[in-house]
Amino acid sequence: MAWLPILEYRDFHDVPRLVLVQTEGRYLLLDCPFDTDLDDYPPAYDVYELDADPRRTVGADWRELPARGRRLGRVPVESIAFDSTRREAIDPGGLASLLR
């Protein structure tokens, strides 16, 4: 499967911590918000499927997007391979278990 272009991302710390991609007509949101109890980012993304492209309906604050989606599950951050810039594309292999 081809790399998935990153449509939008937010909160970059080593890698983007909120990522929007599209595959086979599905919009997927990978969310890994800062955890104040850990004082760090958690080691996994929560993955959500969104009904539509949120770029047209959401302003600058994307924190409420997960509540609009259907949670598909979690994937370790380390299982998501990014392109060399870590800002342009991801390898969909890390999401394969959730996309069946």
N, C-alpha and C. Protein backbone atom coordinates (compact mmCIF):
# COMPACT_ATOMS: atom_id res chain seq x y z
N MET A 1 0.85 -1.18 0.00
CA MET A 1 0.00 0.00 0.00
C MET A 1 0.89 1.24 0.00
N ALA A 2 0.47 2.27 -0.70
CA ALA A 2 1.25 3.50 -0.81
C ALA A 2 1.21 4.31 0.49
N TRP A 3 2.19 5.15 0.64
CA TRP A 3 2.23 6.04 1.80
C TRP A 3 1.00 6.94 1.78
N LEU A 4 0.51 7.28 2.96
CA LEU A 4 -0.65 8.16 3.09
C LEU A 4 -0.17 9.58 3.34
N PRO A 5 -0.54 10.53 2.48
CA PRO A 5 -0.16 11.92 2.74
C PRO A 5 -0.82 12.42 4.02
N ILE A 6 -0.07 13.18 4.80
CA ILE A 6 -0.62 13.83 5.98
C ILE A 6 -1.35 15.08 5.50
N LEU A 7 -2.65 15.12 5.73
CA LEU A 7 -3.46 16.26 5.30
C LEU A 7 -3.26 17.46 6.22
N GLU A 8 -3.16 17.19 7.51
CA GLU A 8 -2.92 18.21 8.54
C GLU A 8 -2.25 17.53 9.72
N TYR A 9 -1.51 18.31 10.47
CA TYR A 9 -0.97 17.82 11.74
C TYR A 9 -0.88 18.97 12.72
N ARG A 10 -0.83 18.64 13.99
CA ARG A 10 -0.72 19.61 15.07
C ARG A 10 0.22 19.05 16.14
N ASP A 11 0.69 19.92 17.01
CA ASP A 11 1.44 19.53 18.21
C ASP A 11 2.62 18.60 17.90
N PHE A 12 3.64 19.14 17.29
CA PHE A 12 4.80 18.35 16.92
C PHE A 12 5.76 18.24 18.10
N HIS A 13 6.08 17.02 18.53
CA HIS A 13 7.11 16.74 19.53
C HIS A 13 7.72 15.40 19.14
N ASP A 14 8.86 15.43 18.51
CA ASP A 14 9.53 14.28 17.89
C ASP A 14 8.78 13.81 16.64
N VAL A 15 7.48 13.70 16.75
CA VAL A 15 6.59 13.38 15.63
C VAL A 15 5.31 14.19 15.83
N PRO A 16 4.48 14.31 14.80
CA PRO A 16 3.19 14.98 15.02
C PRO A 16 2.36 14.21 16.04
N ARG A 17 1.67 14.93 16.89
CA ARG A 17 0.88 14.30 17.94
C ARG A 17 -0.62 14.29 17.63
N LEU A 18 -1.00 14.97 16.58
CA LEU A 18 -2.37 14.92 16.07
C LEU A 18 -2.23 14.92 14.56
N VAL A 19 -2.67 13.85 13.92
CA VAL A 19 -2.43 13.64 12.49
C VAL A 19 -3.74 13.29 11.79
N LEU A 20 -3.98 13.95 10.66
CA LEU A 20 -5.14 13.63 9.83
C LEU A 20 -4.64 13.05 8.51
N VAL A 21 -5.15 11.86 8.18
CA VAL A 21 -4.84 11.22 6.90
C VAL A 21 -6.15 10.72 6.30
N GLN A 22 -6.08 10.38 5.02
CA GLN A 22 -7.24 9.80 4.34
C GLN A 22 -6.79 8.55 3.61
N THR A 23 -7.57 7.49 3.75
CA THR A 23 -7.30 6.25 3.04
C THR A 23 -8.62 5.63 2.59
N GLU A 24 -8.68 5.29 1.32
CA GLU A 24 -9.87 4.65 0.76
C GLU A 24 -11.15 5.39 1.13
N GLY A 25 -11.11 6.71 1.05
CA GLY A 25 -12.28 7.53 1.34
C GLY A 25 -12.58 7.73 2.80
N ARG A 26 -11.74 7.21 3.68
CA ARG A 26 -11.94 7.33 5.13
C ARG A 26 -10.98 8.37 5.69
N TYR A 27 -11.48 9.26 6.54
CA TYR A 27 -10.63 10.22 7.23
C TYR A 27 -10.27 9.64 8.59
N LEU A 28 -8.98 9.53 8.84
CA LEU A 28 -8.49 8.98 10.10
C LEU A 28 -7.75 10.04 10.88
N LEU A 29 -8.01 10.11 12.16
CA LEU A 29 -7.35 11.04 13.06
C LEU A 29 -6.53 10.23 14.06
N LEU A 30 -5.25 10.48 14.12
CA LEU A 30 -4.37 9.86 15.10
C LEU A 30 -4.10 10.90 16.17
N ASP A 31 -4.47 10.61 17.40
CA ASP A 31 -4.43 11.59 18.48
C ASP A 31 -3.56 11.09 19.63
N CYS A 32 -2.61 11.91 20.02
CA CYS A 32 -1.71 11.58 21.13
C CYS A 32 -1.46 12.86 21.93
N PRO A 33 -2.46 13.31 22.68
CA PRO A 33 -2.33 14.58 23.40
C PRO A 33 -1.40 14.48 24.61
N PHE A 34 -0.82 15.60 24.96
CA PHE A 34 0.05 15.66 26.14
C PHE A 34 -0.73 15.24 27.38
N ASP A 35 -0.11 14.41 28.19
CA ASP A 35 -0.72 13.92 29.42
C ASP A 35 -0.06 14.62 30.60
N THR A 36 -0.80 15.47 31.29
CA THR A 36 -0.21 16.23 32.40
C THR A 36 0.17 15.33 33.57
N ASP A 37 -0.54 14.21 33.75
CA ASP A 37 -0.18 13.28 34.84
C ASP A 37 1.16 12.62 34.56
N LEU A 38 1.41 12.27 33.30
CA LEU A 38 2.70 11.67 32.91
C LEU A 38 3.79 12.73 32.76
N ASP A 39 3.35 13.98 32.54
CA ASP A 39 4.25 15.08 32.19
C ASP A 39 5.03 14.72 30.92
N ASP A 40 4.31 14.09 30.00
CA ASP A 40 4.91 13.63 28.74
C ASP A 40 3.77 13.24 27.79
N TYR A 41 4.15 12.90 26.57
CA TYR A 41 3.19 12.36 25.63
C TYR A 41 3.08 10.86 25.85
N PRO A 42 1.87 10.30 25.76
CA PRO A 42 1.72 8.86 25.93
C PRO A 42 2.39 8.10 24.78
N PRO A 43 2.61 6.82 24.94
CA PRO A 43 3.32 6.04 23.92
C PRO A 43 2.44 5.53 22.78
N ALA A 44 1.15 5.92 22.75
CA ALA A 44 0.25 5.40 21.72
C ALA A 44 -0.67 6.49 21.19
N TYR A 45 -1.04 6.31 19.93
CA TYR A 45 -2.07 7.14 19.32
C TYR A 45 -3.43 6.47 19.53
N ASP A 46 -4.44 7.26 19.85
CA ASP A 46 -5.82 6.81 19.74
C ASP A 46 -6.22 7.15 18.31
N VAL A 47 -6.83 6.20 17.62
CA VAL A 47 -7.17 6.37 16.21
C VAL A 47 -8.69 6.45 16.08
N TYR A 48 -9.15 7.48 15.37
CA TYR A 48 -10.57 7.73 15.17
C TYR A 48 -10.88 7.83 13.69
N GLU A 49 -12.05 7.37 13.30
CA GLU A 49 -12.55 7.59 11.96
C GLU A 49 -13.55 8.73 12.02
N LEU A 50 -13.37 9.72 11.15
CA LEU A 50 -14.24 10.88 11.10
C LEU A 50 -15.20 10.75 9.92
N ASP A 51 -16.40 11.29 10.05
CA ASP A 51 -17.40 11.20 9.00
C ASP A 51 -17.06 12.05 7.78
N ALA A 52 -16.33 13.13 7.99
CA ALA A 52 -16.03 14.06 6.90
C ALA A 52 -14.69 14.74 7.15
N ASP A 53 -14.23 15.43 6.16
CA ASP A 53 -12.98 16.18 6.25
C ASP A 53 -13.16 17.33 7.24
N PRO A 54 -12.47 17.31 8.38
CA PRO A 54 -12.69 18.34 9.39
C PRO A 54 -12.05 19.68 9.05
N ARG A 55 -11.21 19.72 8.05
CA ARG A 55 -10.52 20.97 7.73
C ARG A 55 -11.49 22.07 7.31
N ARG A 56 -12.66 21.68 6.88
CA ARG A 56 -13.65 22.67 6.44
C ARG A 56 -14.54 23.17 7.57
N THR A 57 -14.58 22.44 8.67
CA THR A 57 -15.52 22.79 9.73
C THR A 57 -14.86 23.14 11.06
N VAL A 58 -13.57 22.89 11.18
CA VAL A 58 -12.88 23.13 12.45
C VAL A 58 -11.92 24.29 12.29
N GLY A 59 -11.88 25.15 13.28
CA GLY A 59 -10.93 26.26 13.26
C GLY A 59 -9.55 25.79 13.68
N ALA A 60 -8.85 26.62 14.39
CA ALA A 60 -7.48 26.33 14.80
C ALA A 60 -7.40 25.30 15.92
N ASP A 61 -8.46 25.15 16.70
CA ASP A 61 -8.44 24.24 17.85
C ASP A 61 -9.04 22.89 17.46
N TRP A 62 -8.19 21.89 17.38
CA TRP A 62 -8.61 20.55 16.95
C TRP A 62 -8.81 19.60 18.12
N ARG A 63 -8.71 20.08 19.36
CA ARG A 63 -8.77 19.19 20.52
C ARG A 63 -10.10 18.46 20.67
N GLU A 64 -11.18 19.00 20.12
CA GLU A 64 -12.48 18.36 20.26
C GLU A 64 -12.78 17.35 19.14
N LEU A 65 -11.92 17.26 18.16
CA LEU A 65 -12.16 16.34 17.05
C LEU A 65 -12.34 14.87 17.46
N PRO A 66 -11.56 14.34 18.38
CA PRO A 66 -11.78 12.93 18.75
C PRO A 66 -13.21 12.65 19.20
N ALA A 67 -13.85 13.58 19.86
CA ALA A 67 -15.23 13.38 20.32
C ALA A 67 -16.20 13.29 19.15
N ARG A 68 -15.82 13.78 17.99
CA ARG A 68 -16.68 13.72 16.81
C ARG A 68 -16.51 12.42 16.02
N GLY A 69 -15.48 11.67 16.34
CA GLY A 69 -15.17 10.47 15.57
C GLY A 69 -15.56 9.18 16.25
N ARG A 70 -15.40 8.10 15.51
CA ARG A 70 -15.62 6.75 16.03
C ARG A 70 -14.25 6.16 16.33
N ARG A 71 -14.01 5.81 17.59
CA ARG A 71 -12.71 5.28 18.00
C ARG A 71 -12.51 3.88 17.43
N LEU A 72 -11.40 3.71 16.70
CA LEU A 72 -11.07 2.42 16.12
C LEU A 72 -10.15 1.60 17.00
N GLY A 73 -9.36 2.29 17.85
CA GLY A 73 -8.43 1.60 18.73
C GLY A 73 -7.18 2.41 18.96
N ARG A 74 -6.13 1.72 19.43
CA ARG A 74 -4.85 2.38 19.74
C ARG A 74 -3.74 1.69 18.98
N VAL A 75 -2.73 2.49 18.62
CA VAL A 75 -1.52 1.94 18.01
C VAL A 75 -0.32 2.63 18.65
N PRO A 76 0.75 1.90 18.91
CA PRO A 76 1.94 2.53 19.47
C PRO A 76 2.50 3.59 18.52
N VAL A 77 2.92 4.69 19.07
CA VAL A 77 3.52 5.75 18.26
C VAL A 77 4.68 5.18 17.45
N GLU A 78 5.46 4.32 18.05
CA GLU A 78 6.63 3.75 17.37
C GLU A 78 6.25 2.85 16.20
N SER A 79 4.99 2.42 16.11
CA SER A 79 4.58 1.57 15.00
C SER A 79 4.20 2.37 13.75
N ILE A 80 4.11 3.67 13.88
CA ILE A 80 3.78 4.53 12.74
C ILE A 80 5.08 5.06 12.13
N ALA A 81 5.34 4.65 10.90
CA ALA A 81 6.53 5.12 10.18
C ALA A 81 6.19 6.40 9.43
N PHE A 82 6.99 7.42 9.67
CA PHE A 82 6.82 8.71 9.00
C PHE A 82 7.87 8.85 7.90
N ASP A 83 7.56 9.73 6.93
CA ASP A 83 8.56 10.06 5.92
C ASP A 83 9.74 10.75 6.61
N SER A 84 10.78 11.05 5.87
CA SER A 84 12.00 11.61 6.47
C SER A 84 11.78 12.97 7.15
N THR A 85 10.78 13.73 6.71
CA THR A 85 10.51 15.02 7.34
C THR A 85 9.61 14.87 8.56
N ARG A 86 8.95 13.74 8.68
CA ARG A 86 7.96 13.46 9.73
C ARG A 86 6.76 14.39 9.67
N ARG A 87 6.53 14.97 8.51
CA ARG A 87 5.44 15.93 8.36
C ARG A 87 4.61 15.73 7.09
N GLU A 88 5.03 14.85 6.20
CA GLU A 88 4.37 14.76 4.91
C GLU A 88 3.56 13.49 4.68
N ALA A 89 3.98 12.36 5.24
CA ALA A 89 3.28 11.10 4.96
C ALA A 89 3.59 10.07 6.04
N ILE A 90 2.67 9.08 6.12
CA ILE A 90 2.89 7.93 7.00
C ILE A 90 2.72 6.65 6.19
N ASP A 91 3.38 5.62 6.65
CA ASP A 91 3.20 4.29 6.08
C ASP A 91 1.95 3.69 6.72
N PRO A 92 0.97 3.27 5.94
CA PRO A 92 -0.26 2.75 6.52
C PRO A 92 -0.11 1.41 7.22
N GLY A 93 1.03 0.77 7.12
CA GLY A 93 1.23 -0.53 7.75
C GLY A 93 0.97 -0.52 9.24
N GLY A 94 1.29 0.56 9.92
CA GLY A 94 1.07 0.65 11.36
C GLY A 94 -0.40 0.72 11.74
N LEU A 95 -1.26 1.01 10.76
CA LEU A 95 -2.70 1.09 11.01
C LEU A 95 -3.45 -0.14 10.52
N ALA A 96 -2.75 -1.07 9.89
CA ALA A 96 -3.40 -2.21 9.23
C ALA A 96 -4.33 -2.99 10.15
N SER A 97 -3.95 -3.18 11.40
CA SER A 97 -4.79 -3.97 12.31
C SER A 97 -6.13 -3.28 12.59
N LEU A 98 -6.19 -1.97 12.44
CA LEU A 98 -7.42 -1.23 12.73
C LEU A 98 -8.29 -1.02 11.49
N LEU A 99 -7.72 -1.24 10.32
CA LEU A 99 -8.43 -0.94 9.08
C LEU A 99 -9.07 -2.15 8.42
N ARG A 100 -9.12 -3.26 9.08
CA ARG A 100 -9.69 -4.49 8.50
C ARG A 100 -11.18 -4.41 8.42
